[in-house]
PDB file of N, CA and C in Angstrom:
ATOM      1  N   MET A   1     127.895  73.832 133.622  1.00  0.00           N
ATOM      2  CA  MET A   1     128.259  73.228 134.888  1.00  0.00           C
ATOM      3  C   MET A   1     129.015  74.226 135.780  1.00  0.00           C
ATOM      4  N   ARG A   2     129.943  74.993 135.178  1.00  0.00           N
ATOM      5  CA  ARG A   2     130.691  75.980 135.952  1.00  0.00           C
ATOM      6  C   ARG A   2     129.763  77.074 136.470  1.00  0.00           C
ATOM      7  N   LYS A   3     128.799  77.449 135.645  1.00  0.00           N
ATOM      8  CA  LYS A   3     127.859  78.491 136.046  1.00  0.00           C
ATOM      9  C   LYS A   3     127.051  78.035 137.259  1.00  0.00           C
ATOM     10  N   LEU A   4     126.622  76.775 137.250  1.00  0.00           N
ATOM     11  CA  LEU A   4     125.856  76.219 138.366  1.00  0.00           C
ATOM     12  C   LEU A   4     126.706  76.196 139.636  1.00  0.00           C
ATOM     13  N   ALA A   5     127.968  75.785 139.516  1.00  0.00           N
ATOM     14  CA  ALA A   5     128.861  75.740 140.676  1.00  0.00           C
ATOM     15  C   ALA A   5     129.087  77.148 141.227  1.00  0.00           C
ATOM     16  N   GLY A   6     129.227  78.118 140.341  1.00  0.00           N
ATOM     17  CA  GLY A   6     129.412  79.505 140.769  1.00  0.00           C
ATOM     18  C   GLY A   6     128.196  80.037 141.499  1.00  0.00           C
ATOM     19  N   LEU A   7     127.019  79.741 140.966  1.00  0.00           N
ATOM     20  CA  LEU A   7     125.783  80.188 141.619  1.00  0.00           C
ATOM     21  C   LEU A   7     125.614  79.536 142.984  1.00  0.00           C
ATOM     22  N   LEU A   8     125.964  78.258 143.075  1.00  0.00           N
ATOM     23  CA  LEU A   8     125.876  77.546 144.349  1.00  0.00           C
ATOM     24  C   LEU A   8     126.834  78.170 145.372  1.00  0.00           C
ATOM     25  N   ALA A   9     128.042  78.493 144.939  1.00  0.00           N
ATOM     26  CA  ALA A   9     129.025  79.114 145.838  1.00  0.00           C
ATOM     27  C   ALA A   9     128.521  80.463 146.342  1.00  0.00           C
ATOM     28  N   ILE A  10     127.945  81.260 145.474  1.00  0.00           N
ATOM     29  CA  ILE A  10     127.407  82.566 145.872  1.00  0.00           C
ATOM     30  C   ILE A  10     126.249  82.394 146.846  1.00  0.00           C
ATOM     31  N   ALA A  11     125.376  81.431 146.570  1.00  0.00           N
ATOM     32  CA  ALA A  11     124.237  81.177 147.458  1.00  0.00           C
ATOM     33  C   ALA A  11     124.714  80.775 148.852  1.00  0.00           C
ATOM     34  N   LEU A  12     125.744  79.938 148.931  1.00  0.00           N
ATOM     35  CA  LEU A  12     126.274  79.516 150.230  1.00  0.00           C
ATOM     36  C   LEU A  12     126.893  80.691 150.985  1.00  0.00           C
ATOM     37  N   MET A  13     127.630  81.543 150.282  1.00  0.00           N
ATOM     38  CA  MET A  13     128.228  82.712 150.936  1.00  0.00           C
ATOM     39  C   MET A  13     127.150  83.636 151.488  1.00  0.00           C
ATOM     40  N   LEU A  14     126.105  83.851 150.728  1.00  0.00           N
ATOM     41  CA  LEU A  14     125.020  84.715 151.196  1.00  0.00           C
ATOM     42  C   LEU A  14     124.316  84.112 152.401  1.00  0.00           C
ATOM     43  N   ALA A  15     124.083  82.807 152.365  1.00  0.00           N
ATOM     44  CA  ALA A  15     123.388  82.139 153.467  1.00  0.00           C
ATOM     45  C   ALA A  15     124.200  82.230 154.752  1.00  0.00           C
ATOM     46  N   PHE A  16     125.500  81.930 154.684  1.00  0.00           N
ATOM     47  CA  PHE A  16     126.325  81.979 155.888  1.00  0.00           C
ATOM     48  C   PHE A  16     126.578  83.408 156.335  1.00  0.00           C
ATOM     49  N   GLY A  17     126.710  84.328 155.424  1.00  0.00           N
ATOM     50  CA  GLY A  17     126.893  85.738 155.774  1.00  0.00           C
ATOM     51  C   GLY A  17     125.694  86.284 156.511  1.00  0.00           C
ATOM     52  N   THR A  18     124.505  85.935 156.078  1.00  0.00           N
ATOM     53  CA  THR A  18     123.275  86.372 156.731  1.00  0.00           C
ATOM     54  C   THR A  18     123.165  85.782 158.128  1.00  0.00           C
ATOM     55  N   ALA A  19     123.536  84.527 158.292  1.00  0.00           N
ATOM     56  CA  ALA A  19     123.469  83.891 159.608  1.00  0.00           C
ATOM     57  C   ALA A  19     124.391  84.605 160.588  1.00  0.00           C
ATOM     58  N   THR A  20     125.567  84.984 160.149  1.00  0.00           N
ATOM     59  CA  THR A  20     126.510  85.678 161.017  1.00  0.00           C
ATOM     60  C   THR A  20     125.961  87.031 161.448  1.00  0.00           C
ATOM     61  N   VAL A  21     125.377  87.765 160.542  1.00  0.00           N
ATOM     62  CA  VAL A  21     124.803  89.068 160.861  1.00  0.00           C
ATOM     63  C   VAL A  21     123.648  88.903 161.838  1.00  0.00           C
ATOM     64  N   THR A  22     122.828  87.886 161.648  1.00  0.00           N
ATOM     65  CA  THR A  22     121.694  87.646 162.528  1.00  0.00           C
ATOM     66  C   THR A  22     122.160  87.351 163.948  1.00  0.00           C
ATOM     67  N   LEU A  23     123.194  86.527 164.099  1.00  0.00           N
ATOM     68  CA  LEU A  23     123.694  86.213 165.429  1.00  0.00           C
ATOM     69  C   LEU A  23     124.271  87.453 166.102  1.00  0.00           C
ATOM     70  N   ALA A  24     124.999  88.244 165.372  1.00  0.00           N
ATOM     71  CA  ALA A  24     125.635  89.421 165.950  1.00  0.00           C
ATOM     72  C   ALA A  24     124.622  90.503 166.302  1.00  0.00           C
ATOM     73  N   ALA A  25     123.485  90.516 165.632  1.00  0.00           N
ATOM     74  CA  ALA A  25     122.489  91.556 165.870  1.00  0.00           C
ATOM     75  C   ALA A  25     121.929  91.497 167.287  1.00  0.00           C
ATOM     76  N   GLY A  26     121.914  90.326 167.919  1.00  0.00           N
ATOM     77  CA  GLY A  26     121.364  90.190 169.254  1.00  0.00           C
ATOM     78  C   GLY A  26     122.373  90.443 170.355  1.00  0.00           C
ATOM     79  N   GLU A  27     123.601  90.825 169.995  1.00  0.00           N
ATOM     80  CA  GLU A  27     124.650  91.058 170.975  1.00  0.00           C
ATOM     81  C   GLU A  27     124.958  92.546 171.102  1.00  0.00           C
ATOM     82  N   GLN A  28     125.470  92.918 172.267  1.00  0.00           N
ATOM     83  CA  GLN A  28     125.887  94.298 172.469  1.00  0.00           C
ATOM     84  C   GLN A  28     127.090  94.332 173.399  1.00  0.00           C
ATOM     85  N   THR A  29     127.904  95.354 173.253  1.00  0.00           N
ATOM     86  CA  THR A  29     129.045  95.562 174.137  1.00  0.00           C
ATOM     87  C   THR A  29     128.670  96.642 175.137  1.00  0.00           C
ATOM     88  N   ILE A  30     128.906  96.350 176.395  1.00  0.00           N
ATOM     89  CA  ILE A  30     128.606  97.304 177.457  1.00  0.00           C
ATOM     90  C   ILE A  30     129.906  97.617 178.181  1.00  0.00           C
ATOM     91  N   LYS A  31     130.244  98.899 178.242  1.00  0.00           N
ATOM     92  CA  LYS A  31     131.445  99.346 178.952  1.00  0.00           C
ATOM     93  C   LYS A  31     131.012 100.316 180.035  1.00  0.00           C
ATOM     94  N   GLY A  32     131.582 100.159 181.219  1.00  0.00           N
ATOM     95  CA  GLY A  32     131.248 101.086 182.285  1.00  0.00           C
ATOM     96  C   GLY A  32     131.784 100.648 183.626  1.00  0.00           C
ATOM     97  N   ASP A  33     131.286 101.296 184.671  1.00  0.00           N
ATOM     98  CA  ASP A  33     131.712 101.007 186.037  1.00  0.00           C
ATOM     99  C   ASP A  33     130.820  99.927 186.633  1.00  0.00           C
ATOM    100  N   LEU A  34     131.446  98.904 187.208  1.00  0.00           N
ATOM    101  CA  LEU A  34     130.695  97.861 187.897  1.00  0.00           C
ATOM    102  C   LEU A  34     130.287  98.420 189.255  1.00  0.00           C
ATOM    103  N   LEU A  35     129.007  98.726 189.408  1.00  0.00           N
ATOM    104  CA  LEU A  35     128.519  99.337 190.648  1.00  0.00           C
ATOM    105  C   LEU A  35     128.400  98.328 191.774  1.00  0.00           C
ATOM    106  N   LYS A  36     127.798  97.171 191.465  1.00  0.00           N
ATOM    107  CA  LYS A  36     127.615  96.157 192.508  1.00  0.00           C
ATOM    108  C   LYS A  36     127.348  94.801 191.885  1.00  0.00           C
ATOM    109  N   ILE A  37     127.576  93.776 192.704  1.00  0.00           N
ATOM    110  CA  ILE A  37     127.275  92.402 192.316  1.00  0.00           C
ATOM    111  C   ILE A  37     126.209  91.914 193.281  1.00  0.00           C
ATOM    112  N   GLU A  38     125.051  91.525 192.734  1.00  0.00           N
ATOM    113  CA  GLU A  38     123.921  91.042 193.536  1.00  0.00           C
ATOM    114  C   GLU A  38     123.612  89.612 193.121  1.00  0.00           C
ATOM    115  N   GLY A  39     124.243  88.652 193.764  1.00  0.00           N
ATOM    116  CA  GLY A  39     124.020  87.253 193.403  1.00  0.00           C
ATOM    117  C   GLY A  39     124.465  86.982 191.977  1.00  0.00           C
ATOM    118  N   GLU A  40     123.518  86.618 191.112  1.00  0.00           N
ATOM    119  CA  GLU A  40     123.815  86.316 189.713  1.00  0.00           C
ATOM    120  C   GLU A  40     123.734  87.546 188.812  1.00  0.00           C
ATOM    121  N   PHE A  41     123.631  88.729 189.382  1.00  0.00           N
ATOM    122  CA  PHE A  41     123.487  89.939 188.572  1.00  0.00           C
ATOM    123  C   PHE A  41     124.605  90.942 188.856  1.00  0.00           C
ATOM    124  N   TYR A  42     125.146  91.503 187.778  1.00  0.00           N
ATOM    125  CA  TYR A  42     126.131  92.577 187.855  1.00  0.00           C
ATOM    126  C   TYR A  42     125.423  93.848 187.406  1.00  0.00           C
ATOM    127  N   VAL A  43     125.555  94.916 188.178  1.00  0.00           N
ATOM    128  CA  VAL A  43     124.950  96.198 187.819  1.00  0.00           C
ATOM    129  C   VAL A  43     126.072  97.116 187.334  1.00  0.00           C
ATOM    130  N   VAL A  44     125.947  97.561 186.073  1.00  0.00           N
ATOM    131  CA  VAL A  44     126.977  98.374 185.428  1.00  0.00           C
ATOM    132  C   VAL A  44     126.382  99.727 185.058  1.00  0.00           C
ATOM    133  N   LYS A  45     127.135 100.798 185.321  1.00  0.00           N
ATOM    134  CA  LYS A  45     126.726 102.144 184.904  1.00  0.00           C
ATOM    135  C   LYS A  45     127.535 102.492 183.665  1.00  0.00           C
ATOM    136  N   ASP A  46     126.849 102.652 182.520  1.00  0.00           N
ATOM    137  CA  ASP A  46     127.555 102.920 181.266  1.00  0.00           C
ATOM    138  C   ASP A  46     127.922 104.396 181.136  1.00  0.00           C
ATOM    139  N   ALA A  47     128.572 104.750 180.044  1.00  0.00           N
ATOM    140  CA  ALA A  47     129.076 106.114 179.828  1.00  0.00           C
ATOM    141  C   ALA A  47     127.971 107.166 179.820  1.00  0.00           C
ATOM    142  N   SER A  48     126.758 106.773 179.431  1.00  0.00           N
ATOM    143  CA  SER A  48     125.650 107.732 179.390  1.00  0.00           C
ATOM    144  C   SER A  48     124.965 107.884 180.750  1.00  0.00           C
ATOM    145  N   GLY A  49     125.421 107.114 181.749  1.00  0.00           N
ATOM    146  CA  GLY A  49     124.832 107.187 183.078  1.00  0.00           C
ATOM    147  C   GLY A  49     123.725 106.176 183.315  1.00  0.00           C
ATOM    148  N   LYS A  50     123.412 105.382 182.307  1.00  0.00           N
ATOM    149  CA  LYS A  50     122.347 104.383 182.418  1.00  0.00           C
ATOM    150  C   LYS A  50     122.863 103.155 183.171  1.00  0.00           C
ATOM    151  N   GLU A  51     122.064 102.659 184.108  1.00  0.00           N
ATOM    152  CA  GLU A  51     122.417 101.440 184.826  1.00  0.00           C
ATOM    153  C   GLU A  51     121.877 100.235 184.065  1.00  0.00           C
ATOM    154  N   VAL A  52     122.763  99.269 183.841  1.00  0.00           N
ATOM    155  CA  VAL A  52     122.411  98.054 183.111  1.00  0.00           C
ATOM    156  C   VAL A  52     122.613  96.872 184.041  1.00  0.00           C
ATOM    157  N   ARG A  53     121.630  95.998 184.110  1.00  0.00           N
ATOM    158  CA  ARG A  53     121.687  94.812 184.962  1.00  0.00           C
ATOM    159  C   ARG A  53     121.986  93.608 184.077  1.00  0.00           C
ATOM    160  N   LEU A  54     123.100  92.932 184.338  1.00  0.00           N
ATOM    161  CA  LEU A  54     123.518  91.790 183.536  1.00  0.00           C
ATOM    162  C   LEU A  54     123.414  90.499 184.336  1.00  0.00           C
ATOM    163  N   HIS A  55     122.823  89.485 183.726  1.00  0.00           N
ATOM    164  CA  HIS A  55     122.738  88.173 184.359  1.00  0.00           C
ATOM    165  C   HIS A  55     124.027  87.409 184.077  1.00  0.00           C
ATOM    166  N   VAL A  56     124.631  86.869 185.135  1.00  0.00           N
ATOM    167  CA  VAL A  56     125.882  86.122 185.027  1.00  0.00           C
ATOM    168  C   VAL A  56     125.645  84.726 185.587  1.00  0.00           C
ATOM    169  N   ASP A  57     126.060  83.700 184.836  1.00  0.00           N
ATOM    170  CA  ASP A  57     125.949  82.328 185.331  1.00  0.00           C
ATOM    171  C   ASP A  57     127.183  81.542 184.920  1.00  0.00           C
ATOM    172  N   LYS A  58     127.125  80.213 185.057  1.00  0.00           N
ATOM    173  CA  LYS A  58     128.304  79.387 184.772  1.00  0.00           C
ATOM    174  C   LYS A  58     128.707  79.413 183.297  1.00  0.00           C
ATOM    175  N   THR A  59     127.820  79.852 182.414  1.00  0.00           N
ATOM    176  CA  THR A  59     128.171  79.930 180.994  1.00  0.00           C
ATOM    177  C   THR A  59     128.884  81.239 180.646  1.00  0.00           C
ATOM    178  N   THR A  60     128.872  82.205 181.559  1.00  0.00           N
ATOM    179  CA  THR A  60     129.528  83.493 181.331  1.00  0.00           C
ATOM    180  C   THR A  60     131.036  83.336 181.497  1.00  0.00           C
ATOM    181  N   LYS A  61     131.784  83.794 180.509  1.00  0.00           N
ATOM    182  CA  LYS A  61     133.250  83.749 180.580  1.00  0.00           C
ATOM    183  C   LYS A  61     133.728  85.024 181.271  1.00  0.00           C
ATOM    184  N   VAL A  62     134.279  84.867 182.481  1.00  0.00           N
ATOM    185  CA  VAL A  62     134.780  86.013 183.236  1.00  0.00           C
ATOM    186  C   VAL A  62     136.306  85.965 183.195  1.00  0.00           C
ATOM    187  N   GLU A  63     136.912  86.988 182.593  1.00  0.00           N
ATOM    188  CA  GLU A  63     138.368  87.068 182.480  1.00  0.00           C
ATOM    189  C   GLU A  63     138.917  87.896 183.635  1.00  0.00           C
ATOM    190  N   GLY A  64     139.778  87.297 184.427  1.00  0.00           N
ATOM    191  CA  GLY A  64     140.368  88.013 185.554  1.00  0.00           C
ATOM    192  C   GLY A  64     139.366  88.184 186.683  1.00  0.00           C
ATOM    193  N   ALA A  65     139.817  88.851 187.731  1.00  0.00           N
ATOM    194  CA  ALA A  65     138.949  89.103 188.880  1.00  0.00           C
ATOM    195  C   ALA A  65     138.382  90.513 188.760  1.00  0.00           C
ATOM    196  N   VAL A  66     137.073  90.613 188.754  1.00  0.00           N
ATOM    197  CA  VAL A  66     136.431  91.926 188.717  1.00  0.00           C
ATOM    198  C   VAL A  66     135.629  92.112 189.999  1.00  0.00           C
ATOM    199  N   LYS A  67     135.621  93.342 190.479  1.00  0.00           N
ATOM    200  CA  LYS A  67     134.893  93.647 191.716  1.00  0.00           C
ATOM    201  C   LYS A  67     134.212  94.999 191.571  1.00  0.00           C
ATOM    202  N   ALA A  68     133.304  95.285 192.470  1.00  0.00           N
ATOM    203  CA  ALA A  68     132.597  96.567 192.441  1.00  0.00           C
ATOM    204  C   ALA A  68     133.611  97.703 192.429  1.00  0.00           C
ATOM    205  N   GLY A  69     133.362  98.694 191.567  1.00  0.00           N
ATOM    206  CA  GLY A  69     134.256  99.830 191.423  1.00  0.00           C
ATOM    207  C   GLY A  69     135.165  99.728 190.206  1.00  0.00           C
ATOM    208  N   ASP A  70     135.309  98.512 189.650  1.00  0.00           N
ATOM    209  CA  ASP A  70     136.155  98.316 188.469  1.00  0.00           C
ATOM    210  C   ASP A  70     135.448  98.784 187.207  1.00  0.00           C
ATOM    211  N   LYS A  71     136.232  99.212 186.230  1.00  0.00           N
ATOM    212  CA  LYS A  71     135.700  99.491 184.897  1.00  0.00           C
ATOM    213  C   LYS A  71     135.741  98.172 184.140  1.00  0.00           C
ATOM    214  N   ILE A  72     134.601  97.799 183.531  1.00  0.00           N
ATOM    215  CA  ILE A  72     134.530  96.520 182.838  1.00  0.00           C
ATOM    216  C   ILE A  72     134.001  96.695 181.421  1.00  0.00           C
ATOM    217  N   GLU A  73     134.178  95.635 180.641  1.00  0.00           N
ATOM    218  CA  GLU A  73     133.611  95.536 179.301  1.00  0.00           C
ATOM    219  C   GLU A  73     132.909  94.186 179.242  1.00  0.00           C
ATOM    220  N   ALA A  74     131.656  94.186 178.836  1.00  0.00           N
ATOM    221  CA  ALA A  74     130.883  92.949 178.780  1.00  0.00           C
ATOM    222  C   ALA A  74     130.238  92.783 177.408  1.00  0.00           C
ATOM    223  N   GLN A  75     130.180  91.546 176.949  1.00  0.00           N
ATOM    224  CA  GLN A  75     129.415  91.193 175.763  1.00  0.00           C
ATOM    225  C   GLN A  75     128.137  90.563 176.293  1.00  0.00           C
ATOM    226  N   ALA A  76     127.002  91.084 175.880  1.00  0.00           N
ATOM    227  CA  ALA A  76     125.729  90.616 176.425  1.00  0.00           C
ATOM    228  C   ALA A  76     124.699  90.448 175.324  1.00  0.00           C
ATOM    229  N   THR A  77     123.724  89.588 175.593  1.00  0.00           N
ATOM    230  CA  THR A  77     122.609  89.420 174.668  1.00  0.00           C
ATOM    231  C   THR A  77     121.659  90.590 174.839  1.00  0.00           C
ATOM    232  N   ASP A  78     120.744  90.729 173.902  1.00  0.00           N
ATOM    233  CA  ASP A  78     119.763  91.813 174.010  1.00  0.00           C
ATOM    234  C   ASP A  78     118.798  91.589 175.164  1.00  0.00           C
ATOM    235  N   LYS A  79     118.810  90.390 175.757  1.00  0.00           N
ATOM    236  CA  LYS A  79     117.950  90.103 176.909  1.00  0.00           C
ATOM    237  C   LYS A  79     118.681  90.282 178.235  1.00  0.00           C
ATOM    238  N   GLY A  80     119.965  90.728 178.179  1.00  0.00           N
ATOM    239  CA  GLY A  80     120.682  91.035 179.405  1.00  0.00           C
ATOM    240  C   GLY A  80     121.532  89.928 179.984  1.00  0.00           C
ATOM    241  N   HIS A  81     121.766  88.851 179.238  1.00  0.00           N
ATOM    242  CA  HIS A  81     122.645  87.788 179.733  1.00  0.00           C
ATOM    243  C   HIS A  81     124.075  88.094 179.308  1.00  0.00           C
ATOM    244  N   ALA A  82     124.989  88.136 180.261  1.00  0.00           N
ATOM    245  CA  ALA A  82     126.397  88.406 179.961  1.00  0.00           C
ATOM    246  C   ALA A  82     127.048  87.139 179.423  1.00  0.00           C
ATOM    247  N   MET A  83     127.599  87.233 178.218  1.00  0.00           N
ATOM    248  CA  MET A  83     128.322  86.107 177.633  1.00  0.00           C
ATOM    249  C   MET A  83     129.784  86.150 178.052  1.00  0.00           C
ATOM    250  N   SER A  84     130.335  87.371 178.222  1.00  0.00           N
ATOM    251  CA  SER A  84     131.705  87.520 178.706  1.00  0.00           C
ATOM    252  C   SER A  84     131.840  88.849 179.438  1.00  0.00           C
ATOM    253  N   ILE A  85     132.734  88.845 180.420  1.00  0.00           N
ATOM    254  CA  ILE A  85     133.033  90.051 181.195  1.00  0.00           C
ATOM    255  C   ILE A  85     134.539  90.088 181.405  1.00  0.00           C
ATOM    256  N   LYS A  86     135.122  91.278 181.212  1.00  0.00           N
ATOM    257  CA  LYS A  86     136.558  91.437 181.444  1.00  0.00           C
ATOM    258  C   LYS A  86     136.833  92.860 181.903  1.00  0.00           C
ATOM    259  N   PRO A  87     137.986  93.063 182.549  1.00  0.00           N
ATOM    260  CA  PRO A  87     138.356  94.436 182.910  1.00  0.00           C
ATOM    261  C   PRO A  87     138.486  95.274 181.641  1.00  0.00           C
ATOM    262  N   ALA A  88     138.038  96.521 181.686  1.00  0.00           N
ATOM    263  CA  ALA A  88     138.118  97.407 180.516  1.00  0.00           C
ATOM    264  C   ALA A  88     139.552  97.865 180.320  1.00  0.00           C
ATOM    265  N   GLN A  89     139.908  98.086 179.081  1.00  0.00           N
ATOM    266  CA  GLN A  89     141.269  98.556 178.744  1.00  0.00           C
ATOM    267  C   GLN A  89     141.312 100.054 178.772  1.00  0.00           C
TER     268      GLN A  89
END
């Protein structure tokens, strides 16, 4: 009985651990200069010089006031939707 409970506990840890990794795999952190805001899109130039276009909507958590020219940090999906945006530290 103890062996079965132990195996069940290990199986649950593996299942939840895998789910967490899967969710995190689709996210990315983008740090750079906010070049411009075009309606629902923020255009950010990252450290490598690449311009990234982020979609921002009512579900995006924006911390503080950010404007063009600010250095920002954003958490975004692999499809370019910003989940959160804040001034960079």
